[in-house]
N, C-alpha and C. Protein backbone atom coordinates (compact mmCIF):
# COMPACT_ATOMS: atom_id res chain seq x y z
N MET A 1 107.27 132.33 81.13
CA MET A 1 108.02 131.14 81.52
C MET A 1 107.03 130.00 81.77
N PRO A 2 107.28 128.82 81.18
CA PRO A 2 106.36 127.69 81.38
C PRO A 2 106.41 127.20 82.82
N PRO A 3 105.30 126.65 83.29
CA PRO A 3 105.31 126.13 84.67
C PRO A 3 106.28 124.96 84.81
N ALA A 4 106.80 124.80 86.00
CA ALA A 4 107.74 123.72 86.28
C ALA A 4 107.00 122.38 86.32
N PRO A 5 107.70 121.29 86.06
CA PRO A 5 107.07 119.98 86.23
C PRO A 5 106.51 119.85 87.64
N ARG A 6 105.44 119.07 87.77
CA ARG A 6 104.82 118.95 89.09
C ARG A 6 104.27 117.54 89.28
N PHE A 7 104.28 117.09 90.51
CA PHE A 7 103.61 115.86 90.89
C PHE A 7 102.20 116.23 91.33
N GLU A 8 101.21 115.51 90.81
CA GLU A 8 99.82 115.70 91.22
C GLU A 8 99.38 114.45 91.97
N VAL A 9 98.73 114.64 93.12
CA VAL A 9 98.16 113.55 93.90
C VAL A 9 96.65 113.66 93.76
N TYR A 10 95.99 112.54 93.45
CA TYR A 10 94.55 112.59 93.21
C TYR A 10 93.91 111.24 93.56
N ARG A 11 92.58 111.25 93.68
CA ARG A 11 91.81 110.01 93.89
C ARG A 11 91.31 109.52 92.54
N ASP A 12 91.42 108.21 92.32
CA ASP A 12 90.93 107.63 91.07
C ASP A 12 89.48 107.18 91.22
N ASN A 13 88.94 106.56 90.17
CA ASN A 13 87.55 106.12 90.19
C ASN A 13 87.28 105.00 91.20
N ALA A 14 88.32 104.28 91.60
CA ALA A 14 88.20 103.22 92.60
C ALA A 14 88.39 103.76 94.01
N ASP A 15 88.46 105.10 94.15
CA ASP A 15 88.64 105.78 95.43
C ASP A 15 90.00 105.48 96.07
N GLU A 16 91.00 105.21 95.22
CA GLU A 16 92.38 105.03 95.69
C GLU A 16 93.18 106.27 95.34
N TRP A 17 94.26 106.49 96.08
CA TRP A 17 95.14 107.64 95.83
C TRP A 17 96.21 107.26 94.82
N ARG A 18 96.49 108.15 93.91
CA ARG A 18 97.53 107.97 92.89
C ARG A 18 98.31 109.26 92.72
N TRP A 19 99.46 109.14 92.04
CA TRP A 19 100.22 110.34 91.68
C TRP A 19 100.57 110.26 90.21
N ARG A 20 100.83 111.43 89.64
CA ARG A 20 101.30 111.52 88.26
C ARG A 20 102.26 112.70 88.17
N LEU A 21 103.24 112.58 87.28
CA LEU A 21 104.21 113.64 87.03
C LEU A 21 103.82 114.33 85.74
N VAL A 22 103.50 115.61 85.83
CA VAL A 22 103.03 116.40 84.69
C VAL A 22 104.09 117.45 84.35
N VAL A 23 104.44 117.53 83.06
CA VAL A 23 105.44 118.51 82.61
C VAL A 23 104.75 119.78 82.11
N ALA A 24 105.55 120.76 81.74
CA ALA A 24 105.06 122.10 81.41
C ALA A 24 103.97 122.11 80.34
N ASN A 25 104.04 121.21 79.35
CA ASN A 25 103.05 121.22 78.29
C ASN A 25 101.78 120.46 78.66
N GLY A 26 101.70 119.97 79.89
CA GLY A 26 100.51 119.26 80.36
C GLY A 26 100.54 117.76 80.17
N ASN A 27 101.59 117.25 79.51
CA ASN A 27 101.70 115.81 79.30
C ASN A 27 102.07 115.11 80.61
N ILE A 28 101.50 113.94 80.80
CA ILE A 28 101.84 113.09 81.94
C ILE A 28 102.99 112.20 81.48
N ILE A 29 104.13 112.29 82.16
CA ILE A 29 105.28 111.49 81.75
C ILE A 29 105.56 110.32 82.69
N ALA A 30 104.89 110.27 83.83
CA ALA A 30 105.03 109.14 84.75
C ALA A 30 103.82 109.11 85.66
N ASP A 31 103.49 107.91 86.14
CA ASP A 31 102.41 107.81 87.12
C ASP A 31 102.70 106.67 88.09
N SER A 32 101.89 106.59 89.13
CA SER A 32 102.15 105.63 90.20
C SER A 32 102.00 104.18 89.75
N GLY A 33 101.19 103.92 88.75
CA GLY A 33 101.02 102.56 88.28
C GLY A 33 100.21 101.69 89.24
N GLU A 34 99.91 102.19 90.41
CA GLU A 34 99.11 101.47 91.38
C GLU A 34 98.39 102.48 92.25
N GLY A 35 97.30 102.05 92.85
CA GLY A 35 96.57 102.92 93.77
C GLY A 35 97.07 102.70 95.19
N TYR A 36 96.96 103.72 96.00
CA TYR A 36 97.35 103.67 97.41
C TYR A 36 96.11 103.87 98.27
N ALA A 37 96.10 103.25 99.44
CA ALA A 37 94.97 103.37 100.35
C ALA A 37 94.89 104.75 100.97
N SER A 38 96.01 105.45 101.06
CA SER A 38 96.01 106.77 101.70
C SER A 38 96.78 107.79 100.84
N LYS A 39 96.45 109.04 101.06
CA LYS A 39 97.18 110.12 100.38
C LYS A 39 98.64 110.10 100.80
N GLN A 40 98.90 109.81 102.08
CA GLN A 40 100.27 109.74 102.58
C GLN A 40 101.06 108.65 101.86
N GLY A 41 100.41 107.52 101.57
CA GLY A 41 101.08 106.45 100.82
C GLY A 41 101.49 106.91 99.44
N ALA A 42 100.61 107.65 98.77
CA ALA A 42 100.94 108.20 97.44
C ALA A 42 102.10 109.18 97.54
N LYS A 43 102.11 110.00 98.57
CA LYS A 43 103.20 110.96 98.75
C LYS A 43 104.52 110.24 99.04
N ARG A 44 104.46 109.13 99.77
CA ARG A 44 105.69 108.34 100.00
C ARG A 44 106.19 107.76 98.68
N GLY A 45 105.27 107.36 97.81
CA GLY A 45 105.65 106.88 96.49
C GLY A 45 106.39 107.95 95.70
N ILE A 46 105.90 109.18 95.76
CA ILE A 46 106.57 110.30 95.09
C ILE A 46 107.98 110.48 95.63
N GLU A 47 108.11 110.47 96.95
CA GLU A 47 109.43 110.65 97.56
C GLU A 47 110.38 109.52 97.16
N SER A 48 109.86 108.31 97.03
CA SER A 48 110.68 107.18 96.61
C SER A 48 111.21 107.40 95.20
N VAL A 49 110.34 107.88 94.30
CA VAL A 49 110.77 108.15 92.92
C VAL A 49 111.81 109.27 92.91
N LYS A 50 111.56 110.32 93.66
CA LYS A 50 112.51 111.45 93.70
C LYS A 50 113.88 111.01 94.18
N SER A 51 113.93 110.15 95.18
CA SER A 51 115.24 109.76 95.74
C SER A 51 115.92 108.66 94.92
N SER A 52 115.14 107.83 94.22
CA SER A 52 115.71 106.71 93.48
C SER A 52 116.10 107.05 92.05
N ALA A 53 115.37 107.94 91.42
CA ALA A 53 115.54 108.20 89.99
C ALA A 53 116.93 108.70 89.59
N PRO A 54 117.58 109.57 90.36
CA PRO A 54 118.90 110.04 89.90
C PRO A 54 119.93 108.93 89.71
N ALA A 55 119.78 107.83 90.42
CA ALA A 55 120.75 106.74 90.30
C ALA A 55 120.30 105.66 89.31
N ALA A 56 119.13 105.84 88.72
CA ALA A 56 118.61 104.81 87.81
C ALA A 56 119.39 104.81 86.50
N SER A 57 119.67 103.59 86.03
CA SER A 57 120.34 103.47 84.74
C SER A 57 119.30 103.36 83.63
N VAL A 58 119.74 103.51 82.40
CA VAL A 58 118.87 103.35 81.24
C VAL A 58 119.29 102.06 80.54
N VAL A 59 118.34 101.16 80.35
CA VAL A 59 118.61 99.87 79.75
C VAL A 59 117.70 99.71 78.54
N THR A 60 118.27 99.31 77.41
CA THR A 60 117.48 99.02 76.22
C THR A 60 117.23 97.54 76.17
N LYS A 61 115.95 97.17 76.17
CA LYS A 61 115.58 95.77 76.10
C LYS A 61 115.39 95.39 74.66
N GLU A 62 116.02 94.31 74.24
CA GLU A 62 115.87 93.81 72.89
C GLU A 62 114.60 92.99 72.80
N GLU A 63 113.96 93.02 71.64
CA GLU A 63 112.76 92.22 71.46
C GLU A 63 113.12 90.75 71.51
N GLU A 64 112.23 89.96 72.07
CA GLU A 64 112.49 88.52 72.18
C GLU A 64 111.87 87.78 71.05
């Protein structure tokens, strides 16, 4: 059975905390897009995504 998707919390080269969502095949399908000053801040970002994503709509943007 492949491993379940997982959120990884890590420090980047600028010594900031970030998160990324990794799926079973090892691909990163989402990331924090910004660094956080603390690990707790990155974890709060994960919780925000977890609670907000189920209600998110899908919008197709037309080229301008």
